[in-house]
Amino acid sequence: MTKAEIVSEISRSTGLEKAAVLATLEKFMEVVKGSLADGENVYLRGFGSFVLRTRKQKVARNMSNNTAVIVPQHRVPFFKPSQSFIDDVWTEEDL
């Protein structure tokens, strides 16, 4: 599902204009990204958490010229779904 499809679905089900829904969705994504950039995690009860994880420094290989490259420690964003989110998505067929 794309962002445009999400906007259309929310607009259809709530009766709000697509432009208003799109602006709200864009602002939500901006706030989540800004919070993570500031080192703050975002918790949405019943949905999940947007958190930062720290990756350790490691040695990688540049295969084109066969040299070692040091990748420094860095943070990466991660989404952790809530248990109710998992319960709603997961089915017995997934086994």
PDB file of N, CA and C in Angstrom:
ATOM      1  N   MET A   1       0.850  -1.168   0.000  1.00  0.00           N
ATOM      2  CA  MET A   1       0.000   0.000   0.000  1.00  0.00           C
ATOM      3  C   MET A   1       0.898   1.234   0.000  1.00  0.00           C
ATOM      4  N   THR A   2       0.590   2.178  -0.868  1.00  0.00           N
ATOM      5  CA  THR A   2       1.383   3.397  -0.976  1.00  0.00           C
ATOM      6  C   THR A   2       0.790   4.508  -0.105  1.00  0.00           C
ATOM      7  N   LYS A   3       1.549   5.601   0.022  1.00  0.00           N
ATOM      8  CA  LYS A   3       1.063   6.732   0.806  1.00  0.00           C
ATOM      9  C   LYS A   3      -0.221   7.288   0.184  1.00  0.00           C
ATOM     10  N   ALA A   4      -0.283   7.353  -1.132  1.00  0.00           N
ATOM     11  CA  ALA A   4      -1.486   7.854  -1.803  1.00  0.00           C
ATOM     12  C   ALA A   4      -2.688   6.964  -1.514  1.00  0.00           C
ATOM     13  N   GLU A   5      -2.484   5.660  -1.465  1.00  0.00           N
ATOM     14  CA  GLU A   5      -3.575   4.735  -1.155  1.00  0.00           C
ATOM     15  C   GLU A   5      -4.026   4.885   0.299  1.00  0.00           C
ATOM     16  N   ILE A   6      -3.076   5.118   1.198  1.00  0.00           N
ATOM     17  CA  ILE A   6      -3.421   5.345   2.606  1.00  0.00           C
ATOM     18  C   ILE A   6      -4.247   6.618   2.734  1.00  0.00           C
ATOM     19  N   VAL A   7      -3.827   7.681   2.059  1.00  0.00           N
ATOM     20  CA  VAL A   7      -4.559   8.952   2.100  1.00  0.00           C
ATOM     21  C   VAL A   7      -5.970   8.762   1.550  1.00  0.00           C
ATOM     22  N   SER A   8      -6.093   8.059   0.442  1.00  0.00           N
ATOM     23  CA  SER A   8      -7.410   7.813  -0.154  1.00  0.00           C
ATOM     24  C   SER A   8      -8.311   7.028   0.785  1.00  0.00           C
ATOM     25  N   GLU A   9      -7.764   6.000   1.425  1.00  0.00           N
ATOM     26  CA  GLU A   9      -8.552   5.163   2.340  1.00  0.00           C
ATOM     27  C   GLU A   9      -9.019   5.957   3.553  1.00  0.00           C
ATOM     28  N   ILE A  10      -8.122   6.750   4.142  1.00  0.00           N
ATOM     29  CA  ILE A  10      -8.499   7.559   5.304  1.00  0.00           C
ATOM     30  C   ILE A  10      -9.533   8.610   4.893  1.00  0.00           C
ATOM     31  N   SER A  11      -9.331   9.240   3.754  1.00  0.00           N
ATOM     32  CA  SER A  11     -10.264  10.251   3.265  1.00  0.00           C
ATOM     33  C   SER A  11     -11.645   9.646   3.025  1.00  0.00           C
ATOM     34  N   ARG A  12     -11.687   8.478   2.417  1.00  0.00           N
ATOM     35  CA  ARG A  12     -12.951   7.802   2.136  1.00  0.00           C
ATOM     36  C   ARG A  12     -13.674   7.418   3.417  1.00  0.00           C
ATOM     37  N   SER A  13     -12.935   6.889   4.382  1.00  0.00           N
ATOM     38  CA  SER A  13     -13.583   6.387   5.594  1.00  0.00           C
ATOM     39  C   SER A  13     -13.944   7.480   6.604  1.00  0.00           C
ATOM     40  N   THR A  14     -13.254   8.630   6.548  1.00  0.00           N
ATOM     41  CA  THR A  14     -13.551   9.698   7.512  1.00  0.00           C
ATOM     42  C   THR A  14     -14.349  10.843   6.919  1.00  0.00           C
ATOM     43  N   GLY A  15     -14.354  10.966   5.608  1.00  0.00           N
ATOM     44  CA  GLY A  15     -15.045  12.078   4.967  1.00  0.00           C
ATOM     45  C   GLY A  15     -14.217  13.354   4.906  1.00  0.00           C
ATOM     46  N   LEU A  16     -12.958  13.285   5.333  1.00  0.00           N
ATOM     47  CA  LEU A  16     -12.075  14.450   5.262  1.00  0.00           C
ATOM     48  C   LEU A  16     -11.522  14.592   3.849  1.00  0.00           C
ATOM     49  N   GLU A  17     -11.142  15.810   3.499  1.00  0.00           N
ATOM     50  CA  GLU A  17     -10.557  16.043   2.184  1.00  0.00           C
ATOM     51  C   GLU A  17      -9.175  15.404   2.109  1.00  0.00           C
ATOM     52  N   LYS A  18      -8.825  14.937   0.903  1.00  0.00           N
ATOM     53  CA  LYS A  18      -7.528  14.282   0.716  1.00  0.00           C
ATOM     54  C   LYS A  18      -6.370  15.213   1.058  1.00  0.00           C
ATOM     55  N   ALA A  19      -6.505  16.478   0.730  1.00  0.00           N
ATOM     56  CA  ALA A  19      -5.428  17.434   1.010  1.00  0.00           C
ATOM     57  C   ALA A  19      -5.169  17.540   2.507  1.00  0.00           C
ATOM     58  N   ALA A  20      -6.228  17.555   3.307  1.00  0.00           N
ATOM     59  CA  ALA A  20      -6.079  17.645   4.759  1.00  0.00           C
ATOM     60  C   ALA A  20      -5.449  16.372   5.324  1.00  0.00           C
ATOM     61  N   VAL A  21      -5.888  15.234   4.811  1.00  0.00           N
ATOM     62  CA  VAL A  21      -5.335  13.953   5.269  1.00  0.00           C
ATOM     63  C   VAL A  21      -3.859  13.866   4.893  1.00  0.00           C
ATOM     64  N   LEU A  22      -3.526  14.264   3.666  1.00  0.00           N
ATOM     65  CA  LEU A  22      -2.130  14.227   3.217  1.00  0.00           C
ATOM     66  C   LEU A  22      -1.265  15.141   4.079  1.00  0.00           C
ATOM     67  N   ALA A  23      -1.748  16.342   4.374  1.00  0.00           N
ATOM     68  CA  ALA A  23      -0.977  17.270   5.209  1.00  0.00           C
ATOM     69  C   ALA A  23      -0.756  16.690   6.604  1.00  0.00           C
ATOM     70  N   THR A  24      -1.777  16.051   7.160  1.00  0.00           N
ATOM     71  CA  THR A  24      -1.660  15.439   8.486  1.00  0.00           C
ATOM     72  C   THR A  24      -0.665  14.287   8.467  1.00  0.00           C
ATOM     73  N   LEU A  25      -0.746  13.445   7.456  1.00  0.00           N
ATOM     74  CA  LEU A  25       0.169  12.311   7.334  1.00  0.00           C
ATOM     75  C   LEU A  25       1.610  12.783   7.157  1.00  0.00           C
ATOM     76  N   GLU A  26       1.804  13.799   6.318  1.00  0.00           N
ATOM     77  CA  GLU A  26       3.147  14.358   6.108  1.00  0.00           C
ATOM     78  C   GLU A  26       3.709  14.922   7.415  1.00  0.00           C
ATOM     79  N   LYS A  27       2.881  15.632   8.173  1.00  0.00           N
ATOM     80  CA  LYS A  27       3.332  16.213   9.442  1.00  0.00           C
ATOM     81  C   LYS A  27       3.665  15.110  10.447  1.00  0.00           C
ATOM     82  N   PHE A  28       2.849  14.034  10.478  1.00  0.00           N
ATOM     83  CA  PHE A  28       3.126  12.909  11.363  1.00  0.00           C
ATOM     84  C   PHE A  28       4.507  12.326  11.053  1.00  0.00           C
ATOM     85  N   MET A  29       4.785  12.086   9.774  1.00  0.00           N
ATOM     86  CA  MET A  29       6.082  11.517   9.396  1.00  0.00           C
ATOM     87  C   MET A  29       7.215  12.472   9.743  1.00  0.00           C
ATOM     88  N   GLU A  30       6.987  13.765   9.566  1.00  0.00           N
ATOM     89  CA  GLU A  30       7.994  14.773   9.907  1.00  0.00           C
ATOM     90  C   GLU A  30       8.302  14.767  11.402  1.00  0.00           C
ATOM     91  N   VAL A  31       7.261  14.670  12.223  1.00  0.00           N
ATOM     92  CA  VAL A  31       7.440  14.654  13.678  1.00  0.00           C
ATOM     93  C   VAL A  31       8.186  13.392  14.118  1.00  0.00           C
ATOM     94  N   VAL A  32       7.834  12.239  13.547  1.00  0.00           N
ATOM     95  CA  VAL A  32       8.520  10.985  13.898  1.00  0.00           C
ATOM     96  C   VAL A  32       9.994  11.077  13.512  1.00  0.00           C
ATOM     97  N   LYS A  33      10.284  11.527  12.297  1.00  0.00           N
ATOM     98  CA  LYS A  33      11.679  11.647  11.860  1.00  0.00           C
ATOM     99  C   LYS A  33      12.448  12.643  12.724  1.00  0.00           C
ATOM    100  N   GLY A  34      11.812  13.775  13.042  1.00  0.00           N
ATOM    101  CA  GLY A  34      12.465  14.781  13.881  1.00  0.00           C
ATOM    102  C   GLY A  34      12.757  14.267  15.275  1.00  0.00           C
ATOM    103  N   SER A  35      11.809  13.541  15.839  1.00  0.00           N
ATOM    104  CA  SER A  35      12.011  12.978  17.179  1.00  0.00           C
ATOM    105  C   SER A  35      13.158  11.987  17.181  1.00  0.00           C
ATOM    106  N   LEU A  36      13.197  11.115  16.184  1.00  0.00           N
ATOM    107  CA  LEU A  36      14.287  10.135  16.103  1.00  0.00           C
ATOM    108  C   LEU A  36      15.624  10.832  15.869  1.00  0.00           C
ATOM    109  N   ALA A  37      15.633  11.873  15.057  1.00  0.00           N
ATOM    110  CA  ALA A  37      16.873  12.621  14.810  1.00  0.00           C
ATOM    111  C   ALA A  37      17.377  13.276  16.089  1.00  0.00           C
ATOM    112  N   ASP A  38      16.445  13.651  16.984  1.00  0.00           N
ATOM    113  CA  ASP A  38      16.817  14.250  18.270  1.00  0.00           C
ATOM    114  C   ASP A  38      17.131  13.204  19.334  1.00  0.00           C
ATOM    115  N   GLY A  39      17.076  11.934  18.976  1.00  0.00           N
ATOM    116  CA  GLY A  39      17.391  10.866  19.917  1.00  0.00           C
ATOM    117  C   GLY A  39      16.218  10.402  20.749  1.00  0.00           C
ATOM    118  N   GLU A  40      15.009  10.853  20.439  1.00  0.00           N
ATOM    119  CA  GLU A  40      13.811  10.455  21.185  1.00  0.00           C
ATOM    120  C   GLU A  40      13.089   9.328  20.457  1.00  0.00           C
ATOM    121  N   ASN A  41      12.669   8.320  21.199  1.00  0.00           N
ATOM    122  CA  ASN A  41      11.848   7.259  20.627  1.00  0.00           C
ATOM    123  C   ASN A  41      10.397   7.716  20.585  1.00  0.00           C
ATOM    124  N   VAL A  42       9.603   7.127  19.695  1.00  0.00           N
ATOM    125  CA  VAL A  42       8.190   7.475  19.552  1.00  0.00           C
ATOM    126  C   VAL A  42       7.376   6.228  19.862  1.00  0.00           C
ATOM    127  N   TYR A  43       6.484   6.333  20.843  1.00  0.00           N
ATOM    128  CA  TYR A  43       5.669   5.201  21.278  1.00  0.00           C
ATOM    129  C   TYR A  43       4.209   5.461  20.949  1.00  0.00           C
ATOM    130  N   LEU A  44       3.590   4.559  20.186  1.00  0.00           N
ATOM    131  CA  LEU A  44       2.175   4.654  19.840  1.00  0.00           C
ATOM    132  C   LEU A  44       1.475   3.438  20.426  1.00  0.00           C
ATOM    133  N   ARG A  45       0.798   3.640  21.548  1.00  0.00           N
ATOM    134  CA  ARG A  45       0.144   2.537  22.268  1.00  0.00           C
ATOM    135  C   ARG A  45      -0.830   1.798  21.347  1.00  0.00           C
ATOM    136  N   GLY A  46      -0.723   0.480  21.317  1.00  0.00           N
ATOM    137  CA  GLY A  46      -1.595  -0.346  20.500  1.00  0.00           C
ATOM    138  C   GLY A  46      -1.131  -0.480  19.062  1.00  0.00           C
ATOM    139  N   PHE A  47      -0.079   0.250  18.678  1.00  0.00           N
ATOM    140  CA  PHE A  47       0.437   0.170  17.313  1.00  0.00           C
ATOM    141  C   PHE A  47       1.875  -0.304  17.301  1.00  0.00           C
ATOM    142  N   GLY A  48       2.754   0.448  17.966  1.00  0.00           N
ATOM    143  CA  GLY A  48       4.158   0.061  18.015  1.00  0.00           C
ATOM    144  C   GLY A  48       5.032   1.232  18.396  1.00  0.00           C
ATOM    145  N   SER A  49       6.332   1.012  18.285  1.00  0.00           N
ATOM    146  CA  SER A  49       7.312   2.021  18.670  1.00  0.00           C
ATOM    147  C   SER A  49       8.319   2.229  17.555  1.00  0.00           C
ATOM    148  N   PHE A  50       8.654   3.482  17.318  1.00  0.00           N
ATOM    149  CA  PHE A  50       9.751   3.826  16.435  1.00  0.00           C
ATOM    150  C   PHE A  50      10.930   4.116  17.351  1.00  0.00           C
ATOM    151  N   VAL A  51      11.971   3.292  17.288  1.00  0.00           N
ATOM    152  CA  VAL A  51      13.095   3.423  18.205  1.00  0.00           C
ATOM    153  C   VAL A  51      14.401   3.470  17.426  1.00  0.00           C
ATOM    154  N   LEU A  52      15.433   3.945  18.093  1.00  0.00           N
ATOM    155  CA  LEU A  52      16.771   3.960  17.521  1.00  0.00           C
ATOM    156  C   LEU A  52      17.571   2.799  18.077  1.00  0.00           C
ATOM    157  N   ARG A  53      18.272   2.123  17.216  1.00  0.00           N
ATOM    158  CA  ARG A  53      19.187   1.065  17.641  1.00  0.00           C
ATOM    159  C   ARG A  53      20.592   1.475  17.238  1.00  0.00           C
ATOM    160  N   THR A  54      21.541   1.103  18.054  1.00  0.00           N
ATOM    161  CA  THR A  54      22.928   1.441  17.774  1.00  0.00           C
ATOM    162  C   THR A  54      23.637   0.236  17.173  1.00  0.00           C
ATOM    163  N   ARG A  55      24.243   0.456  16.031  1.00  0.00           N
ATOM    164  CA  ARG A  55      25.049  -0.590  15.386  1.00  0.00           C
ATOM    165  C   ARG A  55      26.511  -0.368  15.774  1.00  0.00           C
ATOM    166  N   LYS A  56      27.182  -1.434  16.156  1.00  0.00           N
ATOM    167  CA  LYS A  56      28.579  -1.337  16.557  1.00  0.00           C
ATOM    168  C   LYS A  56      29.473  -1.080  15.346  1.00  0.00           C
ATOM    169  N   GLN A  57      30.645  -0.551  15.639  1.00  0.00           N
ATOM    170  CA  GLN A  57      31.645  -0.369  14.590  1.00  0.00           C
ATOM    171  C   GLN A  57      32.030  -1.738  14.050  1.00  0.00           C
ATOM    172  N   LYS A  58      32.274  -1.809  12.729  1.00  0.00           N
ATOM    173  CA  LYS A  58      32.664  -3.092  12.141  1.00  0.00           C
ATOM    174  C   LYS A  58      33.582  -2.857  10.957  1.00  0.00           C
ATOM    175  N   VAL A  59      34.243  -3.911  10.567  1.00  0.00           N
ATOM    176  CA  VAL A  59      35.105  -3.869   9.386  1.00  0.00           C
ATOM    177  C   VAL A  59      34.343  -4.512   8.240  1.00  0.00           C
ATOM    178  N   ALA A  60      34.254  -3.778   7.145  1.00  0.00           N
ATOM    179  CA  ALA A  60      33.585  -4.291   5.952  1.00  0.00           C
ATOM    180  C   ALA A  60      34.605  -4.369   4.820  1.00  0.00           C
ATOM    181  N   ARG A  61      34.226  -5.011   3.747  1.00  0.00           N
ATOM    182  CA  ARG A  61      35.127  -5.147   2.609  1.00  0.00           C
ATOM    183  C   ARG A  61      34.566  -4.437   1.395  1.00  0.00           C
ATOM    184  N   ASN A  62      35.425  -3.685   0.716  1.00  0.00           N
ATOM    185  CA  ASN A  62      35.091  -3.103  -0.573  1.00  0.00           C
ATOM    186  C   ASN A  62      35.554  -4.133  -1.607  1.00  0.00           C
ATOM    187  N   MET A  63      34.614  -4.861  -2.173  1.00  0.00           N
ATOM    188  CA  MET A  63      34.952  -5.989  -3.052  1.00  0.00           C
ATOM    189  C   MET A  63      35.558  -5.542  -4.381  1.00  0.00           C
ATOM    190  N   SER A  64      35.264  -4.311  -4.827  1.00  0.00           N
ATOM    191  CA  SER A  64      35.777  -3.874  -6.125  1.00  0.00           C
ATOM    192  C   SER A  64      37.293  -3.701  -6.121  1.00  0.00           C
ATOM    193  N   ASN A  65      37.867  -3.239  -5.003  1.00  0.00           N
ATOM    194  CA  ASN A  65      39.327  -3.124  -4.957  1.00  0.00           C
ATOM    195  C   ASN A  65      39.939  -3.893  -3.793  1.00  0.00           C
ATOM    196  N   ASN A  66      39.161  -4.780  -3.180  1.00  0.00           N
ATOM    197  CA  ASN A  66      39.625  -5.696  -2.143  1.00  0.00           C
ATOM    198  C   ASN A  66      40.330  -4.980  -0.983  1.00  0.00           C
ATOM    199  N   THR A  67      39.686  -3.964  -0.441  1.00  0.00           N
ATOM    200  CA  THR A  67      40.241  -3.249   0.703  1.00  0.00           C
ATOM    201  C   THR A  67      39.258  -3.312   1.870  1.00  0.00           C
ATOM    202  N   ALA A  68      39.814  -3.181   3.056  1.00  0.00           N
ATOM    203  CA  ALA A  68      38.981  -3.169   4.262  1.00  0.00           C
ATOM    204  C   ALA A  68      38.548  -1.736   4.541  1.00  0.00           C
ATOM    205  N   VAL A  69      37.292  -1.589   4.946  1.00  0.00           N
ATOM    206  CA  VAL A  69      36.734  -0.286   5.268  1.00  0.00           C
ATOM    207  C   VAL A  69      36.120  -0.380   6.661  1.00  0.00           C
ATOM    208  N   ILE A  70      36.408   0.598   7.497  1.00  0.00           N
ATOM    209  CA  ILE A  70      35.831   0.608   8.834  1.00  0.00           C
ATOM    210  C   ILE A  70      34.514   1.385   8.783  1.00  0.00           C
ATOM    211  N   VAL A  71      33.443   0.711   9.162  1.00  0.00           N
ATOM    212  CA  VAL A  71      32.129   1.359   9.263  1.00  0.00           C
ATOM    213  C   VAL A  71      31.970   1.767  10.719  1.00  0.00           C
ATOM    214  N   PRO A  72      31.878   3.073  10.990  1.00  0.00           N
ATOM    215  CA  PRO A  72      31.806   3.516  12.386  1.00  0.00           C
ATOM    216  C   PRO A  72      30.479   3.147  13.046  1.00  0.00           C
ATOM    217  N   GLN A  73      30.470   3.205  14.367  1.00  0.00           N
ATOM    218  CA  GLN A  73      29.233   2.983  15.119  1.00  0.00           C
ATOM    219  C   GLN A  73      28.211   4.015  14.657  1.00  0.00           C
ATOM    220  N   HIS A  74      26.958   3.588  14.477  1.00  0.00           N
ATOM    221  CA  HIS A  74      25.920   4.514  14.029  1.00  0.00           C
ATOM    222  C   HIS A  74      24.554   4.046  14.516  1.00  0.00           C
ATOM    223  N   ARG A  75      23.600   4.982  14.485  1.00  0.00           N
ATOM    224  CA  ARG A  75      22.231   4.661  14.902  1.00  0.00           C
ATOM    225  C   ARG A  75      21.370   4.428  13.673  1.00  0.00           C
ATOM    226  N   VAL A  76      20.429   3.486  13.793  1.00  0.00           N
ATOM    227  CA  VAL A  76      19.488   3.215  12.712  1.00  0.00           C
ATOM    228  C   VAL A  76      18.075   3.183  13.288  1.00  0.00           C
ATOM    229  N   PRO A  77      17.097   3.703  12.541  1.00  0.00           N
ATOM    230  CA  PRO A  77      15.712   3.644  13.012  1.00  0.00           C
ATOM    231  C   PRO A  77      15.171   2.224  12.871  1.00  0.00           C
ATOM    232  N   PHE A  78      14.261   1.866  13.766  1.00  0.00           N
ATOM    233  CA  PHE A  78      13.688   0.526  13.796  1.00  0.00           C
ATOM    234  C   PHE A  78      12.246   0.634  14.266  1.00  0.00           C
ATOM    235  N   PHE A  79      11.340  -0.132  13.654  1.00  0.00           N
ATOM    236  CA  PHE A  79       9.949  -0.166  14.100  1.00  0.00           C
ATOM    237  C   PHE A  79       9.707  -1.467  14.839  1.00  0.00           C
ATOM    238  N   LYS A  80       9.209  -1.350  16.053  1.00  0.00           N
ATOM    239  CA  LYS A  80       8.885  -2.521  16.859  1.00  0.00           C
ATOM    240  C   LYS A  80       7.367  -2.545  17.044  1.00  0.00           C
ATOM    241  N   PRO A  81       6.658  -3.489  16.413  1.00  0.00           N
ATOM    242  CA  PRO A  81       5.198  -3.531  16.544  1.00  0.00           C
ATOM    243  C   PRO A  81       4.766  -3.941  17.948  1.00  0.00           C
ATOM    244  N   SER A  82       3.603  -3.432  18.373  1.00  0.00           N
ATOM    245  CA  SER A  82       3.063  -3.821  19.676  1.00  0.00           C
ATOM    246  C   SER A  82       2.507  -5.237  19.590  1.00  0.00           C
ATOM    247  N   GLN A  83       2.256  -5.843  20.740  1.00  0.00           N
ATOM    248  CA  GLN A  83       1.728  -7.210  20.755  1.00  0.00           C
ATOM    249  C   GLN A  83       0.350  -7.272  20.110  1.00  0.00           C
ATOM    250  N   SER A  84      -0.485  -6.259  20.323  1.00  0.00           N
ATOM    251  CA  SER A  84      -1.815  -6.273  19.696  1.00  0.00           C
ATOM    252  C   SER A  84      -1.703  -6.122  18.182  1.00  0.00           C
ATOM    253  N   PHE A  85      -0.723  -5.368  17.699  1.00  0.00           N
ATOM    254  CA  PHE A  85      -0.456  -5.244  16.265  1.00  0.00           C
ATOM    255  C   PHE A  85      -0.076  -6.613  15.703  1.00  0.00           C
ATOM    256  N   ILE A  86       0.822  -7.285  16.382  1.00  0.00           N
ATOM    257  CA  ILE A  86       1.265  -8.616  15.950  1.00  0.00           C
ATOM    258  C   ILE A  86       0.093  -9.589  15.944  1.00  0.00           C
ATOM    259  N   ASP A  87      -0.717  -9.555  16.999  1.00  0.00           N
ATOM    260  CA  ASP A  87      -1.874 -10.458  17.083  1.00  0.00           C
ATOM    261  C   ASP A  87      -2.868 -10.225  15.961  1.00  0.00           C
ATOM    262  N   ASP A  88      -3.064  -8.973  15.550  1.00  0.00           N
ATOM    263  CA  ASP A  88      -3.993  -8.647  14.485  1.00  0.00           C
ATOM    264  C   ASP A  88      -3.477  -9.074  13.110  1.00  0.00           C
ATOM    265  N   VAL A  89      -2.162  -9.046  12.915  1.00  0.00           N
ATOM    266  CA  VAL A  89      -1.573  -9.361  11.613  1.00  0.00           C
ATOM    267  C   VAL A  89      -1.257 -10.846  11.456  1.00  0.00           C
ATOM    268  N   TRP A  90      -0.798 -11.462  12.517  1.00  0.00           N
ATOM    269  CA  TRP A  90      -0.363 -12.849  12.480  1.00  0.00           C
ATOM    270  C   TRP A  90      -1.556 -13.797  12.428  1.00  0.00           C
ATOM    271  N   THR A  91      -1.445 -14.839  11.619  1.00  0.00           N
ATOM    272  CA  THR A  91      -2.490 -15.855  11.532  1.00  0.00           C
ATOM    273  C   THR A  91      -1.855 -17.234  11.633  1.00  0.00           C
ATOM    274  N   GLU A  92      -2.687 -18.236  11.847  1.00  0.00           N
ATOM    275  CA  GLU A  92      -2.206 -19.619  11.920  1.00  0.00           C
ATOM    276  C   GLU A  92      -1.600 -20.068  10.592  1.00  0.00           C
ATOM    277  N   GLU A  93      -2.027 -19.476   9.499  1.00  0.00           N
ATOM    278  CA  GLU A  93      -1.502 -19.833   8.178  1.00  0.00           C
ATOM    279  C   GLU A  93      -0.025 -19.470   8.028  1.00  0.00           C
ATOM    280  N   ASP A  94       0.462 -18.574   8.888  1.00  0.00           N
ATOM    281  CA  ASP A  94       1.854 -18.133   8.814  1.00  0.00           C
ATOM    282  C   ASP A  94       2.826 -19.200   9.303  1.00  0.00           C
ATOM    283  N   LEU A  95       2.333 -20.248   9.918  1.00  0.00           N
ATOM    284  CA  LEU A  95       3.227 -21.288  10.434  1.00  0.00           C
ATOM    285  C   LEU A  95       3.845 -22.110   9.364  1.00  0.00           C
TER     286      LEU A  95
END
